[in-house]
Amino acid sequence: MTELAHPNSLARNIDELMDVASNNNDMMHGVVRGIVEAMNGLYKEGPLKKKERVMEKAEGDYEGNFLKVIDIVRSSAVFHAL
């Protein structure tokens, strides 16, 4: 299985990663919302993952590598039929 991670150049620390997520939040939701709604789905924007949870996940799941936490911008989609 391929492990996903942000590129090393994206952020030097978790604060920078959180800033990148916050700065790109609206754009990400716009892109994903467009895809979901084009497929007749219902889209719901979620809150950004909290910094404390990102740190916890990085430590517990990725040996401290915060760049492997790729679900900071969150949402959900519901499809009644595909």
N, C-alpha and C. Protein backbone atom coordinates (compact mmCIF):
# COMPACT_ATOMS: atom_id res chain seq x y z
N MET A 1 0.84 -1.18 0.00
CA MET A 1 0.00 0.00 0.00
C MET A 1 0.89 1.25 0.00
N THR A 2 0.55 2.21 -0.81
CA THR A 2 1.30 3.45 -0.89
C THR A 2 0.91 4.36 0.27
N GLU A 3 1.91 4.90 0.95
CA GLU A 3 1.63 5.85 2.02
C GLU A 3 1.55 7.25 1.44
N LEU A 4 0.53 7.98 1.81
CA LEU A 4 0.37 9.35 1.36
C LEU A 4 0.99 10.29 2.37
N ALA A 5 1.51 11.39 1.86
CA ALA A 5 2.06 12.43 2.73
C ALA A 5 2.17 13.71 1.92
N HIS A 6 2.13 14.83 2.62
CA HIS A 6 2.39 16.12 1.98
C HIS A 6 3.87 16.18 1.61
N PRO A 7 4.23 16.95 0.58
CA PRO A 7 5.65 17.10 0.26
C PRO A 7 6.39 17.82 1.39
N ASN A 8 7.65 17.49 1.56
CA ASN A 8 8.45 18.11 2.63
C ASN A 8 8.50 19.62 2.51
N SER A 9 8.39 20.14 1.29
CA SER A 9 8.48 21.58 1.07
C SER A 9 7.22 22.33 1.52
N LEU A 10 6.16 21.61 1.85
CA LEU A 10 4.89 22.27 2.21
C LEU A 10 4.97 23.01 3.53
N ALA A 11 5.60 22.40 4.52
CA ALA A 11 5.64 23.01 5.86
C ALA A 11 6.84 22.48 6.63
N ARG A 12 7.46 23.38 7.39
CA ARG A 12 8.61 23.00 8.22
C ARG A 12 8.20 22.52 9.60
N ASN A 13 6.97 22.86 9.99
CA ASN A 13 6.49 22.47 11.31
C ASN A 13 4.97 22.40 11.29
N ILE A 14 4.41 21.95 12.36
CA ILE A 14 2.96 21.75 12.40
C ILE A 14 2.19 23.06 12.31
N ASP A 15 2.75 24.14 12.84
CA ASP A 15 2.07 25.44 12.74
C ASP A 15 1.96 25.88 11.28
N GLU A 16 3.02 25.68 10.51
CA GLU A 16 2.97 26.03 9.09
C GLU A 16 1.97 25.14 8.36
N LEU A 17 1.92 23.86 8.71
CA LEU A 17 0.96 22.95 8.08
C LEU A 17 -0.47 23.40 8.37
N MET A 18 -0.74 23.79 9.60
CA MET A 18 -2.07 24.26 9.95
C MET A 18 -2.41 25.54 9.19
N ASP A 19 -1.43 26.43 8.99
CA ASP A 19 -1.65 27.65 8.22
C ASP A 19 -1.98 27.32 6.76
N VAL A 20 -1.26 26.36 6.18
CA VAL A 20 -1.51 25.95 4.80
C VAL A 20 -2.94 25.40 4.69
N ALA A 21 -3.33 24.56 5.64
CA ALA A 21 -4.68 24.00 5.62
C ALA A 21 -5.73 25.11 5.72
N SER A 22 -5.53 26.03 6.62
CA SER A 22 -6.48 27.12 6.80
C SER A 22 -6.55 28.00 5.55
N ASN A 23 -5.40 28.31 4.97
CA ASN A 23 -5.36 29.18 3.79
C ASN A 23 -5.97 28.52 2.55
N ASN A 24 -5.99 27.20 2.50
CA ASN A 24 -6.52 26.48 1.35
C ASN A 24 -7.88 25.84 1.60
N ASN A 25 -8.43 26.06 2.79
CA ASN A 25 -9.68 25.45 3.19
C ASN A 25 -10.81 25.74 2.20
N ASP A 26 -11.04 27.01 1.90
CA ASP A 26 -12.15 27.38 1.01
C ASP A 26 -11.98 26.80 -0.38
N MET A 27 -10.75 26.83 -0.91
CA MET A 27 -10.48 26.29 -2.24
C MET A 27 -10.75 24.79 -2.27
N MET A 28 -10.29 24.07 -1.26
CA MET A 28 -10.50 22.62 -1.20
C MET A 28 -11.99 22.30 -1.17
N HIS A 29 -12.73 23.02 -0.34
CA HIS A 29 -14.17 22.77 -0.25
C HIS A 29 -14.85 23.08 -1.58
N GLY A 30 -14.41 24.13 -2.25
CA GLY A 30 -15.00 24.47 -3.54
C GLY A 30 -14.79 23.38 -4.57
N VAL A 31 -13.59 22.84 -4.62
CA VAL A 31 -13.28 21.77 -5.58
C VAL A 31 -14.09 20.52 -5.27
N VAL A 32 -14.05 20.08 -4.02
CA VAL A 32 -14.73 18.84 -3.65
C VAL A 32 -16.25 19.02 -3.76
N ARG A 33 -16.76 20.17 -3.35
CA ARG A 33 -18.20 20.43 -3.46
C ARG A 33 -18.64 20.32 -4.92
N GLY A 34 -17.84 20.89 -5.83
CA GLY A 34 -18.19 20.82 -7.25
C GLY A 34 -18.28 19.40 -7.76
N ILE A 35 -17.34 18.56 -7.35
CA ILE A 35 -17.35 17.15 -7.77
C ILE A 35 -18.56 16.44 -7.21
N VAL A 36 -18.81 16.60 -5.92
CA VAL A 36 -19.92 15.91 -5.25
C VAL A 36 -21.26 16.35 -5.85
N GLU A 37 -21.45 17.64 -5.99
CA GLU A 37 -22.73 18.13 -6.49
C GLU A 37 -22.93 17.77 -7.97
N ALA A 38 -21.85 17.69 -8.75
CA ALA A 38 -21.95 17.27 -10.15
C ALA A 38 -22.43 15.82 -10.26
N MET A 39 -22.23 15.07 -9.19
CA MET A 39 -22.66 13.67 -9.15
C MET A 39 -23.96 13.51 -8.35
N ASN A 40 -24.69 14.63 -8.18
CA ASN A 40 -25.97 14.65 -7.46
C ASN A 40 -25.84 14.24 -6.00
N GLY A 41 -24.70 14.51 -5.41
CA GLY A 41 -24.51 14.23 -4.00
C GLY A 41 -24.78 15.45 -3.14
N LEU A 42 -24.91 15.21 -1.85
CA LEU A 42 -25.05 16.28 -0.88
C LEU A 42 -23.71 16.47 -0.19
N TYR A 43 -23.25 17.71 -0.13
CA TYR A 43 -21.93 18.01 0.41
C TYR A 43 -22.07 18.77 1.71
N LYS A 44 -21.27 18.40 2.70
CA LYS A 44 -21.27 19.12 3.98
C LYS A 44 -19.83 19.42 4.37
N GLU A 45 -19.56 20.70 4.50
CA GLU A 45 -18.23 21.16 4.92
C GLU A 45 -18.04 20.87 6.40
N GLY A 46 -16.89 20.33 6.74
CA GLY A 46 -16.57 20.08 8.14
C GLY A 46 -15.57 21.09 8.65
N PRO A 47 -15.33 21.10 9.93
CA PRO A 47 -14.33 22.01 10.50
C PRO A 47 -12.93 21.47 10.25
N LEU A 48 -11.95 22.35 10.28
CA LEU A 48 -10.57 21.90 10.22
C LEU A 48 -10.27 21.03 11.43
N LYS A 49 -9.46 20.02 11.22
CA LYS A 49 -9.01 19.20 12.35
C LYS A 49 -8.20 20.11 13.29
N LYS A 50 -8.41 19.99 14.55
CA LYS A 50 -7.70 20.84 15.53
C LYS A 50 -6.22 20.46 15.60
N LYS A 51 -5.40 21.46 15.85
CA LYS A 51 -3.95 21.26 15.92
C LYS A 51 -3.59 20.16 16.92
N GLU A 52 -4.24 20.15 18.06
CA GLU A 52 -3.95 19.15 19.08
C GLU A 52 -4.19 17.74 18.55
N ARG A 53 -5.25 17.58 17.76
CA ARG A 53 -5.56 16.26 17.20
C ARG A 53 -4.57 15.88 16.09
N VAL A 54 -4.13 16.88 15.31
CA VAL A 54 -3.12 16.62 14.28
C VAL A 54 -1.84 16.14 14.95
N MET A 55 -1.43 16.79 16.05
CA MET A 55 -0.22 16.38 16.76
C MET A 55 -0.39 14.97 17.32
N GLU A 56 -1.54 14.70 17.90
CA GLU A 56 -1.82 13.38 18.47
C GLU A 56 -1.76 12.30 17.39
N LYS A 57 -2.37 12.58 16.25
CA LYS A 57 -2.39 11.61 15.15
C LYS A 57 -0.98 11.40 14.59
N ALA A 58 -0.22 12.50 14.44
CA ALA A 58 1.15 12.39 13.94
C ALA A 58 2.00 11.51 14.86
N GLU A 59 1.89 11.74 16.16
CA GLU A 59 2.66 10.96 17.14
C GLU A 59 2.20 9.50 17.20
N GLY A 60 0.90 9.30 17.25
CA GLY A 60 0.37 7.95 17.43
C GLY A 60 0.39 7.08 16.19
N ASP A 61 0.21 7.69 15.02
CA ASP A 61 0.07 6.89 13.80
C ASP A 61 1.26 6.99 12.85
N TYR A 62 2.03 8.08 12.93
CA TYR A 62 3.05 8.34 11.91
C TYR A 62 4.43 8.66 12.49
N GLU A 63 4.72 8.14 13.67
CA GLU A 63 6.03 8.32 14.30
C GLU A 63 6.47 9.80 14.33
N GLY A 64 5.51 10.69 14.54
CA GLY A 64 5.79 12.11 14.66
C GLY A 64 5.83 12.88 13.36
N ASN A 65 5.65 12.20 12.24
CA ASN A 65 5.70 12.88 10.94
C ASN A 65 4.36 13.55 10.65
N PHE A 66 4.27 14.82 10.98
CA PHE A 66 3.03 15.57 10.81
C PHE A 66 2.62 15.70 9.35
N LEU A 67 3.56 15.57 8.42
CA LEU A 67 3.24 15.68 7.00
C LEU A 67 2.41 14.50 6.49
N LYS A 68 2.32 13.45 7.28
CA LYS A 68 1.50 12.31 6.90
C LYS A 68 0.04 12.47 7.32
N VAL A 69 -0.26 13.50 8.08
CA VAL A 69 -1.65 13.77 8.46
C VAL A 69 -2.26 14.56 7.30
N ILE A 70 -3.04 13.87 6.48
CA ILE A 70 -3.53 14.49 5.24
C ILE A 70 -5.02 14.82 5.29
N ASP A 71 -5.66 14.64 6.43
CA ASP A 71 -7.10 14.90 6.52
C ASP A 71 -7.41 16.07 7.45
N ILE A 72 -6.68 17.15 7.30
CA ILE A 72 -6.91 18.34 8.15
C ILE A 72 -8.14 19.10 7.66
N VAL A 73 -8.27 19.26 6.34
CA VAL A 73 -9.48 19.85 5.76
C VAL A 73 -10.47 18.71 5.62
N ARG A 74 -11.64 18.86 6.25
CA ARG A 74 -12.57 17.73 6.32
C ARG A 74 -13.95 18.09 5.77
N SER A 75 -14.61 17.06 5.26
CA SER A 75 -15.97 17.21 4.75
C SER A 75 -16.61 15.83 4.66
N SER A 76 -17.89 15.85 4.30
CA SER A 76 -18.57 14.58 4.05
C SER A 76 -19.47 14.75 2.83
N ALA A 77 -19.76 13.60 2.22
CA ALA A 77 -20.63 13.61 1.05
C ALA A 77 -21.59 12.44 1.19
N VAL A 78 -22.82 12.67 0.77
CA VAL A 78 -23.84 11.62 0.81
C VAL A 78 -24.38 11.46 -0.62
N PHE A 79 -24.41 10.20 -1.06
CA PHE A 79 -24.95 9.86 -2.36
C PHE A 79 -26.07 8.84 -2.14
N HIS A 80 -27.24 9.12 -2.69
CA HIS A 80 -28.36 8.20 -2.54
C HIS A 80 -28.33 7.10 -3.59
N ALA A 81 -27.64 7.37 -4.69
CA ALA A 81 -27.45 6.37 -5.75
C ALA A 81 -26.20 6.73 -6.52
N LEU A 82 -25.54 5.72 -7.03
CA LEU A 82 -24.35 5.99 -7.83
C LEU A 82 -24.55 5.57 -9.26
